[in-house]
Amino acid sequence: MSPKTDADLARSCTDLVLLSLLIGRPMYGYEILTSLQDRGNGEFRFKQGTLYPVLYRLERQGWIEASWEEPPEGKRRKVYHVTKDGRREYRARADQWTSFTNAVRSILEEVENA
């Protein structure tokens, strides 16, 4: 996690962000880590020891599934993809996040315009 983002704030949206990445396309662990960092402007910096427990939890909840992939070159790797239930969960959380951030933005704008 970037030092400029409160860890609790980033943690609160981890499931949503991971589901969002995996809806885009299936990914393996290291690819998820680099995509989070690149696409999140450095705000999401996870170590493998932090990411994998979250992925396992999402898998237990039935929101993602994993399968082994054998690339033409290199080692076998576990690839994660979103399930139908995961897509529903993503949509619900994305709607909640949008409502919440709109409310916060409205309050901040009111303060800034005072």
C-alpha atoms as a PDB file:
ATOM      1  CA  MET A   1       0.000   0.000   0.000  1.00  0.00           C
ATOM      2  CA  SER A   2       1.229   3.467  -0.743  1.00  0.00           C
ATOM      3  CA  PRO A   3       2.137   5.557   2.303  1.00  0.00           C
ATOM      4  CA  LYS A   4      -0.239   8.235   1.042  1.00  0.00           C
ATOM      5  CA  THR A   5      -3.316   6.003   1.416  1.00  0.00           C
ATOM      6  CA  ASP A   6      -4.620   4.949   4.792  1.00  0.00           C
ATOM      7  CA  ALA A   7      -4.346   1.159   5.024  1.00  0.00           C
ATOM      8  CA  ASP A   8      -7.906   0.782   6.374  1.00  0.00           C
ATOM      9  CA  LEU A   9      -9.305   2.776   3.458  1.00  0.00           C
ATOM     10  CA  ALA A  10      -7.484   0.640   0.887  1.00  0.00           C
ATOM     11  CA  ARG A  11      -8.392  -2.577   2.714  1.00  0.00           C
ATOM     12  CA  SER A  12     -12.078  -1.622   2.704  1.00  0.00           C
ATOM     13  CA  CYS A  13     -12.237  -1.780  -1.082  1.00  0.00           C
ATOM     14  CA  THR A  14      -9.831  -4.663  -1.733  1.00  0.00           C
ATOM     15  CA  ASP A  15     -12.551  -7.177  -2.641  1.00  0.00           C
ATOM     16  CA  LEU A  16     -14.146  -4.722  -5.059  1.00  0.00           C
ATOM     17  CA  VAL A  17     -10.838  -3.897  -6.723  1.00  0.00           C
ATOM     18  CA  LEU A  18      -9.806  -7.545  -7.079  1.00  0.00           C
ATOM     19  CA  LEU A  19     -13.180  -8.544  -8.497  1.00  0.00           C
ATOM     20  CA  SER A  20     -12.966  -5.624 -10.919  1.00  0.00           C
ATOM     21  CA  LEU A  21      -9.554  -6.717 -12.192  1.00  0.00           C
ATOM     22  CA  LEU A  22     -10.640 -10.315 -12.624  1.00  0.00           C
ATOM     23  CA  ILE A  23     -13.863  -9.368 -14.413  1.00  0.00           C
ATOM     24  CA  GLY A  24     -11.629  -7.742 -17.006  1.00  0.00           C
ATOM     25  CA  ARG A  25      -9.835 -11.038 -17.610  1.00  0.00           C
ATOM     26  CA  PRO A  26      -8.512 -14.053 -15.716  1.00  0.00           C
ATOM     27  CA  MET A  27      -5.117 -13.447 -14.088  1.00  0.00           C
ATOM     28  CA  TYR A  28      -2.493 -15.267 -12.072  1.00  0.00           C
ATOM     29  CA  GLY A  29      -1.129 -13.966  -8.766  1.00  0.00           C
ATOM     30  CA  TYR A  30       1.904 -11.987  -9.888  1.00  0.00           C
ATOM     31  CA  GLU A  31      -0.119 -10.471 -12.724  1.00  0.00           C
ATOM     32  CA  ILE A  32      -2.748  -9.345 -10.203  1.00  0.00           C
ATOM     33  CA  LEU A  33      -0.053  -7.724  -8.051  1.00  0.00           C
ATOM     34  CA  THR A  34       1.463  -5.780 -10.939  1.00  0.00           C
ATOM     35  CA  SER A  35      -1.945  -4.788 -12.345  1.00  0.00           C
ATOM     36  CA  LEU A  36      -3.064  -3.481  -8.950  1.00  0.00           C
ATOM     37  CA  GLN A  37       0.041  -1.377  -8.657  1.00  0.00           C
ATOM     38  CA  ASP A  38       0.005  -0.107 -12.257  1.00  0.00           C
ATOM     39  CA  ARG A  39      -3.708   0.532 -12.685  1.00  0.00           C
ATOM     40  CA  GLY A  40      -4.129   1.826  -9.137  1.00  0.00           C
ATOM     41  CA  ASN A  41      -1.489   4.539  -9.568  1.00  0.00           C
ATOM     42  CA  GLY A  42       0.634   2.904  -6.880  1.00  0.00           C
ATOM     43  CA  GLU A  43      -2.096   3.107  -4.214  1.00  0.00           C
ATOM     44  CA  PHE A  44      -2.421  -0.685  -3.963  1.00  0.00           C
ATOM     45  CA  ARG A  45       0.849  -2.328  -3.017  1.00  0.00           C
ATOM     46  CA  PHE A  46       0.306  -5.854  -1.835  1.00  0.00           C
ATOM     47  CA  LYS A  47       2.850  -8.512  -1.069  1.00  0.00           C
ATOM     48  CA  GLN A  48       2.167 -12.079  -2.120  1.00  0.00           C
ATOM     49  CA  GLY A  49       1.676 -12.973   1.541  1.00  0.00           C
ATOM     50  CA  THR A  50      -1.131 -10.418   1.717  1.00  0.00           C
ATOM     51  CA  LEU A  51      -2.771 -11.074  -1.655  1.00  0.00           C
ATOM     52  CA  TYR A  52      -3.126 -14.850  -1.531  1.00  0.00           C
ATOM     53  CA  PRO A  53      -5.166 -15.027   1.705  1.00  0.00           C
ATOM     54  CA  VAL A  54      -7.618 -12.547   0.138  1.00  0.00           C
ATOM     55  CA  LEU A  55      -7.822 -14.620  -3.046  1.00  0.00           C
ATOM     56  CA  TYR A  56      -8.402 -17.791  -1.022  1.00  0.00           C
ATOM     57  CA  ARG A  57     -11.160 -16.051   0.949  1.00  0.00           C
ATOM     58  CA  LEU A  58     -12.859 -14.847  -2.261  1.00  0.00           C
ATOM     59  CA  GLU A  59     -12.595 -18.397  -3.572  1.00  0.00           C
ATOM     60  CA  ARG A  60     -14.218 -19.829  -0.402  1.00  0.00           C
ATOM     61  CA  GLN A  61     -17.054 -17.304  -0.803  1.00  0.00           C
ATOM     62  CA  GLY A  62     -17.631 -18.576  -4.328  1.00  0.00           C
ATOM     63  CA  TRP A  63     -16.846 -15.228  -5.973  1.00  0.00           C
ATOM     64  CA  ILE A  64     -13.762 -16.434  -7.836  1.00  0.00           C
ATOM     65  CA  GLU A  65     -12.453 -19.788  -9.039  1.00  0.00           C
ATOM     66  CA  ALA A  66      -8.933 -20.916  -9.766  1.00  0.00           C
ATOM     67  CA  SER A  67      -7.602 -23.323 -12.357  1.00  0.00           C
ATOM     68  CA  TRP A  68      -4.106 -24.428 -13.267  1.00  0.00           C
ATOM     69  CA  GLU A  69      -2.682 -23.208 -16.558  1.00  0.00           C
ATOM     70  CA  GLU A  70       0.329 -24.614 -18.383  1.00  0.00           C
ATOM     71  CA  PRO A  71       1.889 -21.839 -20.455  1.00  0.00           C
ATOM     72  CA  PRO A  72       3.898 -22.917 -23.530  1.00  0.00           C
ATOM     73  CA  GLU A  73       7.028 -21.785 -21.710  1.00  0.00           C
ATOM     74  CA  GLY A  74       7.556 -21.509 -17.993  1.00  0.00           C
ATOM     75  CA  LYS A  75       6.016 -22.947 -14.875  1.00  0.00           C
ATOM     76  CA  ARG A  76       2.466 -24.011 -14.219  1.00  0.00           C
ATOM     77  CA  ARG A  77       0.448 -21.257 -12.569  1.00  0.00           C
ATOM     78  CA  LYS A  78      -2.897 -20.807 -10.900  1.00  0.00           C
ATOM     79  CA  VAL A  79      -5.236 -18.483 -12.810  1.00  0.00           C
ATOM     80  CA  TYR A  80      -8.171 -16.802 -11.080  1.00  0.00           C
ATOM     81  CA  HIS A  81     -11.442 -15.797 -12.717  1.00  0.00           C
ATOM     82  CA  VAL A  82     -14.747 -14.376 -11.475  1.00  0.00           C
ATOM     83  CA  THR A  83     -17.808 -16.590 -11.086  1.00  0.00           C
ATOM     84  CA  LYS A  84     -21.417 -15.612 -11.767  1.00  0.00           C
ATOM     85  CA  ASP A  85     -21.886 -14.984  -8.025  1.00  0.00           C
ATOM     86  CA  GLY A  86     -18.710 -12.898  -8.065  1.00  0.00           C
ATOM     87  CA  ARG A  87     -20.120 -10.734 -10.846  1.00  0.00           C
ATOM     88  CA  ARG A  88     -23.269 -10.130  -8.794  1.00  0.00           C
ATOM     89  CA  GLU A  89     -21.177  -9.297  -5.729  1.00  0.00           C
ATOM     90  CA  TYR A  90     -19.024  -6.945  -7.805  1.00  0.00           C
ATOM     91  CA  ARG A  91     -22.106  -5.108  -9.099  1.00  0.00           C
ATOM     92  CA  ALA A  92     -23.571  -4.734  -5.597  1.00  0.00           C
ATOM     93  CA  ARG A  93     -20.283  -3.472  -4.150  1.00  0.00           C
ATOM     94  CA  ALA A  94     -19.637  -1.153  -7.096  1.00  0.00           C
ATOM     95  CA  ASP A  95     -23.090   0.401  -6.601  1.00  0.00           C
ATOM     96  CA  GLN A  96     -22.428   0.820  -2.864  1.00  0.00           C
ATOM     97  CA  TRP A  97     -19.013   2.332  -3.543  1.00  0.00           C
ATOM     98  CA  THR A  98     -20.445   4.790  -6.069  1.00  0.00           C
ATOM     99  CA  SER A  99     -23.180   5.914  -3.653  1.00  0.00           C
ATOM    100  CA  PHE A 100     -20.703   6.258  -0.812  1.00  0.00           C
ATOM    101  CA  THR A 101     -18.077   8.184  -2.786  1.00  0.00           C
ATOM    102  CA  ASN A 102     -20.751  10.488  -4.230  1.00  0.00           C
ATOM    103  CA  ALA A 103     -21.933  11.269  -0.697  1.00  0.00           C
ATOM    104  CA  VAL A 104     -18.389  11.952   0.513  1.00  0.00           C
ATOM    105  CA  ARG A 105     -17.687  14.096  -2.561  1.00  0.00           C
ATOM    106  CA  SER A 106     -20.839  16.102  -1.919  1.00  0.00           C
ATOM    107  CA  ILE A 107     -19.823  16.796   1.675  1.00  0.00           C
ATOM    108  CA  LEU A 108     -16.268  17.728   0.698  1.00  0.00           C
ATOM    109  CA  GLU A 109     -17.478  20.076  -2.028  1.00  0.00           C
ATOM    110  CA  GLU A 110     -19.846  21.770   0.405  1.00  0.00           C
ATOM    111  CA  VAL A 111     -16.988  22.368   2.844  1.00  0.00           C
ATOM    112  CA  GLU A 112     -14.656  23.600   0.091  1.00  0.00           C
ATOM    113  CA  ASN A 113     -17.303  26.001  -1.233  1.00  0.00           C
ATOM    114  CA  ALA A 114     -18.091  27.448   2.216  1.00  0.00           C
END
